[in-house]
Amino acid sequence: MVNFTILAGGYTAAISVFSFNTDTSKLSLVGTPSGGENPGWVQAAPGSTAVFATQETGDGGVASFRVGSGGDLTQVSRGYSSGSPASLGVLPNGKEVVVAN
């Protein structure tokens, strides 16, 4: 059995955490921890527990989180982008993020 963790933004105050079981093809909601302000695009950094999410608000920005073993999220930082970013990309080094609208 293989379980995948899936994180999804939804323009609310939470990022939904799902577990997908490959044996049963079952998708289960694990929880909805706080995801900052209107998280839209969510992307994990390669080889890390870091996750980045766009913050689609008037000022806009990107928030970074650490993912715990149970799928809980802890916000680490937030940067403003002077606009509401629609998507982002994490560079292969896992330390730089590019945003686009």
Foldseek 3Di string as FASTA:
>chain_A
DDKDWDWAFDQQQWIWIWIADPVVRDIGTLDTEGDHGGWHEKDAAPPFQKIKTWHFDQQTWIWIWGQDPSRHTDTDDIDTDRHGFNYKDQDNVSPDMDTHD
